[in-house]
């Protein structure tokens, strides 16, 4: 896509996780290359552009204070083209799963927007007549105290609407241990949550340092979401070092026991800069 636009004489700016984590593979693809988060560097680029001196590379060294992150300008899109609008409340994840490039890009320190910021974005989405909002956080419940405060506000606002919104997001299976949080998610009208289960095999979870999935029975945790009226979509991965031909039977049995109606089964990938890639 970048090459096609450049062949037409259009200038290209490229940023995001891939451009930040593998800059050497993007160097020849764009006229303006953004490495790291862009809340500060993108406005600087626009100022440089207007002054006639845009730089080839803009690099954000420190993690950005999300209090500086502006609400998206959705006036430039046609909302009816989208099944749901996306809102991000946080960046970062305290876990260190071997295959995950998220923490390589946004760090392990959990950073959040203010609850007021998030509510503005949700209300902006509702004003576009959307029916659903997806919270695009890699770990929506990374800070339980913050998540409870946000959910309490969402419940108060959403239940007062003539046509309440539906919400979806991504959380760890640990949330299945927290009945208060599950109740708040249900009351706020979360009807779908993606759960990173990865594997039913203990050796695999230990191998990739996802030991927080081992503290309680996975099927019981998944069932807790279903009992609160939340559809669990479980993410599973094939190709770990401890997988063998018997893993297919293990996966089939686990999926049947979990009764999860949606299963996302992926082949293991090792993004550059992750511990898995290095290993």
Protein backbone atom coordinates (compact mmCIF):
# COMPACT_ATOMS: atom_id res chain seq x y z
CA UNK A 1 0.00 0.00 0.00
CA UNK A 2 2.81 2.41 0.91
CA UNK A 3 4.70 1.66 -2.30
CA UNK A 4 1.57 2.14 -4.40
CA UNK A 5 0.84 5.57 -2.94
CA UNK A 6 4.47 6.67 -3.28
CA UNK A 7 4.49 5.53 -6.92
CA UNK A 8 1.62 7.98 -7.45
CA UNK A 9 3.67 10.81 -5.99
CA UNK A 10 1.84 10.85 -2.65
CA UNK A 11 3.77 11.34 0.56
CA UNK A 12 3.33 8.58 3.15
CA UNK A 13 3.50 8.72 6.95
CA UNK A 14 3.76 5.38 8.72
CA UNK A 15 3.45 4.59 12.43
CA UNK A 16 1.99 2.15 14.91
CA UNK A 17 3.18 -1.09 16.54
CA UNK A 18 4.77 -2.68 13.45
CA UNK A 19 6.49 0.53 12.36
CA UNK A 20 7.81 0.98 15.92
CA UNK A 21 8.93 -2.58 16.65
CA UNK A 22 10.46 -3.33 13.23
CA UNK A 23 11.66 0.08 11.99
CA UNK A 24 14.34 -1.46 9.79
CA UNK A 25 11.62 -3.15 7.68
CA UNK A 26 9.68 0.11 7.30
CA UNK A 27 12.50 2.51 6.55
CA UNK A 28 12.03 2.42 2.77
CA UNK A 29 8.24 2.40 2.84
CA UNK A 30 7.43 5.90 4.07
CA UNK A 31 8.52 9.49 3.75
CA UNK A 32 7.80 10.13 7.44
CA UNK A 33 8.35 7.33 9.92
CA UNK A 34 6.86 7.45 13.44
CA UNK A 35 8.42 5.27 16.15
CA UNK A 36 6.56 4.96 19.44
CA UNK A 37 3.34 6.58 20.59
CA UNK A 38 2.25 9.58 18.54
CA UNK A 39 0.28 11.93 20.82
CA UNK A 40 3.23 14.33 20.87
CA UNK A 41 5.11 13.56 17.68
CA UNK A 42 2.14 13.77 15.30
CA UNK A 43 1.26 17.38 16.28
CA UNK A 44 4.96 18.22 15.98
CA UNK A 45 4.99 16.74 12.47
CA UNK A 46 1.97 18.83 11.49
CA UNK A 47 3.70 21.97 12.74
CA UNK A 48 6.84 21.02 10.82
CA UNK A 49 4.79 20.28 7.71
CA UNK A 50 3.14 23.68 7.83
CA UNK A 51 6.56 25.28 8.25
CA UNK A 52 7.87 23.37 5.22
CA UNK A 53 10.43 21.26 7.13
CA UNK A 54 8.89 17.85 7.96
CA UNK A 55 11.42 15.32 9.29
CA UNK A 56 11.96 11.80 7.99
CA UNK A 57 11.82 10.19 11.46
CA UNK A 58 9.87 11.12 14.59
CA UNK A 59 10.73 9.09 17.67
CA UNK A 60 8.90 9.13 21.01
CA UNK A 61 11.36 7.85 23.61
CA UNK A 62 9.24 8.07 26.79
CA UNK A 63 5.79 6.62 27.33
CA UNK A 64 3.07 9.24 26.90
CA UNK A 65 0.79 10.50 29.66
CA UNK A 66 -2.62 9.35 28.41
CA UNK A 67 -4.15 12.47 29.90
CA UNK A 68 -2.74 14.13 26.78
CA UNK A 69 -4.47 11.73 24.39
CA UNK A 70 -7.21 13.54 22.45
CA UNK A 71 -10.63 12.09 21.71
CA UNK A 72 -10.79 10.78 18.11
CA UNK A 73 -12.39 13.05 15.52
CA UNK A 74 -15.07 10.79 14.08
CA UNK A 75 -16.50 13.51 11.83
CA UNK A 76 -14.17 12.22 9.12
CA UNK A 77 -15.77 8.76 8.89
CA UNK A 78 -19.17 7.33 8.04
CA UNK A 79 -20.31 5.65 11.31
CA UNK A 80 -22.75 3.36 9.52
CA UNK A 81 -19.76 1.67 7.85
CA UNK A 82 -18.73 0.25 11.23
CA UNK A 83 -20.31 -2.49 13.33
CA UNK A 84 -18.99 -0.82 16.47
CA UNK A 85 -16.83 2.11 17.52
CA UNK A 86 -13.55 1.63 19.40
CA UNK A 87 -12.48 3.39 22.59
CA UNK A 88 -9.15 2.90 24.34
CA UNK A 89 -8.95 3.45 28.10
CA UNK A 90 -5.43 2.22 28.85
CA UNK A 91 -2.05 1.07 27.60
CA UNK A 92 0.45 -1.32 29.09
CA UNK A 93 0.15 -4.71 30.74
CA UNK A 94 1.81 -5.99 33.93
CA UNK A 95 2.17 -9.54 32.57
CA UNK A 96 5.12 -10.87 30.57
CA UNK A 97 3.79 -13.52 28.23
CA UNK A 98 6.69 -14.69 26.02
CA UNK A 99 4.95 -14.24 22.67
CA UNK A 100 3.38 -10.83 23.32
CA UNK A 101 4.76 -7.74 21.61
CA UNK A 102 2.33 -5.38 23.37
CA UNK A 103 4.63 -4.74 26.33
CA UNK A 104 7.56 -4.19 23.94
CA UNK A 105 5.61 -1.30 22.41
CA UNK A 106 3.65 0.26 25.28
CA UNK A 107 5.42 -1.14 28.34
CA UNK A 108 4.43 -3.08 31.45
CA UNK A 109 3.38 -0.05 33.48
CA UNK A 110 -0.39 0.25 33.28
CA UNK A 111 -1.41 3.76 32.16
CA UNK A 112 -4.97 5.03 31.91
CA UNK A 113 -6.99 7.93 30.60
CA UNK A 114 -9.16 9.61 33.20
CA UNK A 115 -12.66 8.22 33.61
CA UNK A 116 -13.99 11.59 32.40
CA UNK A 117 -11.94 11.27 29.19
CA UNK A 118 -13.33 7.81 28.52
CA UNK A 119 -16.91 8.88 29.17
CA UNK A 120 -16.53 11.72 26.66
CA UNK A 121 -15.43 9.23 23.99
CA UNK A 122 -18.24 6.79 24.82
CA UNK A 123 -20.81 9.58 24.68
CA UNK A 124 -19.35 10.74 21.36
CA UNK A 125 -19.83 7.21 20.01
CA UNK A 126 -23.42 7.10 21.27
CA UNK A 127 -24.13 10.45 19.61
CA UNK A 128 -23.23 8.83 16.26
CA UNK A 129 -26.11 6.39 16.79
CA UNK A 130 -23.77 3.43 17.18
CA UNK A 131 -25.15 0.37 18.96
CA UNK A 132 -21.90 -1.00 20.39
CA UNK A 133 -18.50 0.11 21.66
CA UNK A 134 -15.42 -2.11 21.72
CA UNK A 135 -12.83 -1.23 24.36
CA UNK A 136 -9.60 -1.88 22.48
CA UNK A 137 -7.35 -2.16 25.55
CA UNK A 138 -5.09 -5.20 25.50
CA UNK A 139 -6.07 -5.77 29.14
CA UNK A 140 -9.25 -3.86 30.01
CA UNK A 141 -9.11 -4.81 33.70
CA UNK A 142 -5.39 -4.26 34.29
CA UNK A 143 -6.14 -1.94 37.21
CA UNK A 144 -9.18 -3.28 39.05
CA UNK A 145 -9.82 -0.13 41.10
CA UNK A 146 -9.83 2.03 37.96
CA UNK A 147 -11.99 -0.50 36.09
CA UNK A 148 -14.56 -0.55 38.89
CA UNK A 149 -14.76 3.24 38.89
CA UNK A 150 -15.21 3.33 35.11
CA UNK A 151 -17.80 0.54 35.12
CA UNK A 152 -19.79 2.26 37.88
CA UNK A 153 -19.97 5.41 35.72
CA UNK A 154 -20.92 3.38 32.66
CA UNK A 155 -23.72 1.62 34.56
CA UNK A 156 -25.17 4.92 35.81
CA UNK A 157 -25.06 6.50 32.34
CA UNK A 158 -25.92 3.53 30.12
CA UNK A 159 -28.92 2.25 32.07
CA UNK A 160 -30.54 5.71 31.85
CA UNK A 161 -30.54 5.63 28.03
CA UNK A 162 -33.70 4.76 26.11
CA UNK A 163 -31.51 2.48 23.96
CA UNK A 164 -28.45 1.43 25.98
CA UNK A 165 -25.17 0.61 24.29
CA UNK A 166 -23.57 -2.82 24.31
CA UNK A 167 -19.90 -3.14 25.20
CA UNK A 168 -17.12 -5.61 24.45
CA UNK A 169 -13.44 -5.89 25.32
CA UNK A 170 -10.46 -8.07 26.20
CA UNK A 171 -9.56 -9.27 29.71
CA UNK A 172 -7.53 -12.00 31.39
CA UNK A 173 -9.32 -15.11 32.66
CA UNK A 174 -8.46 -13.89 36.17
CA UNK A 175 -11.52 -11.64 35.98
CA UNK A 176 -13.56 -14.84 36.31
CA UNK A 177 -12.43 -14.96 39.96
CA UNK A 178 -13.86 -11.52 40.75
CA UNK A 179 -17.63 -11.79 41.14
CA UNK A 180 -18.05 -8.08 41.94
CA UNK A 181 -16.25 -7.10 38.74
CA UNK A 182 -18.25 -9.61 36.72
CA UNK A 183 -21.48 -8.14 38.10
CA UNK A 184 -20.39 -4.63 37.15
CA UNK A 185 -19.44 -5.77 33.65
CA UNK A 186 -22.83 -7.41 33.28
CA UNK A 187 -24.73 -4.40 34.66
CA UNK A 188 -22.86 -2.10 32.27
CA UNK A 189 -24.08 -4.33 29.39
CA UNK A 190 -20.84 -6.01 28.38
CA UNK A 191 -22.11 -8.85 26.25
CA UNK A 192 -18.79 -10.12 24.83
CA UNK A 193 -15.26 -10.48 26.26
CA UNK A 194 -12.19 -12.02 24.65
CA UNK A 195 -10.18 -14.18 27.07
CA UNK A 196 -6.54 -15.07 26.40
CA UNK A 197 -6.55 -18.71 27.51
CA UNK A 198 -3.76 -19.83 25.09
CA UNK A 199 -3.58 -23.50 26.09
CA UNK A 200 -5.22 -26.07 28.39
CA UNK A 201 -1.79 -27.60 29.02
CA UNK A 202 0.00 -26.53 32.18
CA UNK A 203 3.45 -27.06 30.66
CA UNK A 204 2.65 -24.64 27.84
CA UNK A 205 1.43 -21.91 30.19
CA UNK A 206 4.54 -22.30 32.34
CA UNK A 207 6.72 -22.22 29.22
CA UNK A 208 5.36 -18.84 28.11
CA UNK A 209 5.23 -17.33 31.63
CA UNK A 210 1.42 -17.14 31.64
CA UNK A 211 1.24 -18.59 35.13
CA UNK A 212 -1.65 -16.30 36.14
CA UNK A 213 -3.84 -18.68 34.10
CA UNK A 214 -2.86 -21.56 36.39
CA UNK A 215 -4.17 -20.27 39.72
CA UNK A 216 -7.67 -21.71 39.29
CA UNK A 217 -9.46 -24.11 36.98
CA UNK A 218 -9.79 -22.48 33.55
CA UNK A 219 -13.19 -24.00 32.76
CA UNK A 220 -14.64 -22.70 36.04
CA UNK A 221 -13.31 -19.23 35.29
CA UNK A 222 -14.78 -19.21 31.76
CA UNK A 223 -18.11 -20.49 33.09
CA UNK A 224 -18.27 -17.54 35.49
CA UNK A 225 -18.49 -15.16 32.50
CA UNK A 226 -21.29 -17.20 30.92
CA UNK A 227 -23.25 -17.25 34.19
CA UNK A 228 -23.17 -13.44 34.18
CA UNK A 229 -24.63 -13.25 30.68
CA UNK A 230 -21.29 -12.39 29.03
CA UNK A 231 -20.26 -14.34 25.92
CA UNK A 232 -16.73 -15.68 26.45
CA UNK A 233 -14.61 -15.74 23.30
CA UNK A 234 -11.54 -17.79 24.11
CA UNK A 235 -8.18 -17.39 22.41
CA UNK A 236 -6.14 -20.58 21.98
CA UNK A 237 -2.75 -21.12 20.36
CA UNK A 238 -1.17 -24.13 18.65
CA UNK A 239 2.56 -24.66 18.25
CA UNK A 240 4.08 -24.39 21.72
CA UNK A 241 7.21 -26.40 22.51
CA UNK A 242 5.18 -28.78 24.67
CA UNK A 243 2.54 -29.45 21.99
CA UNK A 244 2.44 -32.87 20.32
CA UNK A 245 -0.23 -34.63 18.20
CA UNK A 246 -2.25 -35.29 21.36
CA UNK A 247 -2.86 -31.56 21.82
CA UNK A 248 -5.67 -31.65 19.26
CA UNK A 249 -7.71 -33.96 21.47
CA UNK A 250 -6.88 -31.81 24.50
CA UNK A 251 -8.11 -28.68 22.71
CA UNK A 252 -11.29 -30.35 21.49
CA UNK A 253 -12.12 -31.63 24.98
CA UNK A 254 -11.33 -28.26 26.58
CA UNK A 255 -13.48 -26.33 24.10
CA UNK A 256 -16.38 -28.72 24.70
CA UNK A 257 -16.08 -28.42 28.50
CA UNK A 258 -15.81 -24.64 28.42
CA UNK A 259 -18.99 -24.31 26.31
CA UNK A 260 -17.51 -21.12 24.86
CA UNK A 261 -19.49 -20.34 21.68
CA UNK A 262 -16.56 -18.54 20.01
CA UNK A 263 -13.03 -19.92 19.79
CA UNK A 264 -10.13 -18.10 18.10
CA UNK A 265 -7.48 -20.73 17.34
CA UNK A 266 -4.15 -19.36 16.12
CA UNK A 267 -0.73 -20.69 15.18
CA UNK A 268 2.04 -19.50 17.51
CA UNK A 269 3.88 -16.49 16.10
CA UNK A 270 7.12 -15.00 17.41
CA UNK A 271 7.14 -11.24 16.76
CA UNK A 272 10.55 -9.62 16.71
CA UNK A 273 11.76 -8.17 20.02
CA UNK A 274 9.72 -10.59 22.09
CA UNK A 275 11.32 -13.10 24.51
CA UNK A 276 9.91 -15.90 22.35
CA UNK A 277 11.69 -14.55 19.27
CA UNK A 278 14.97 -14.32 21.17
CA UNK A 279 14.57 -17.87 22.51
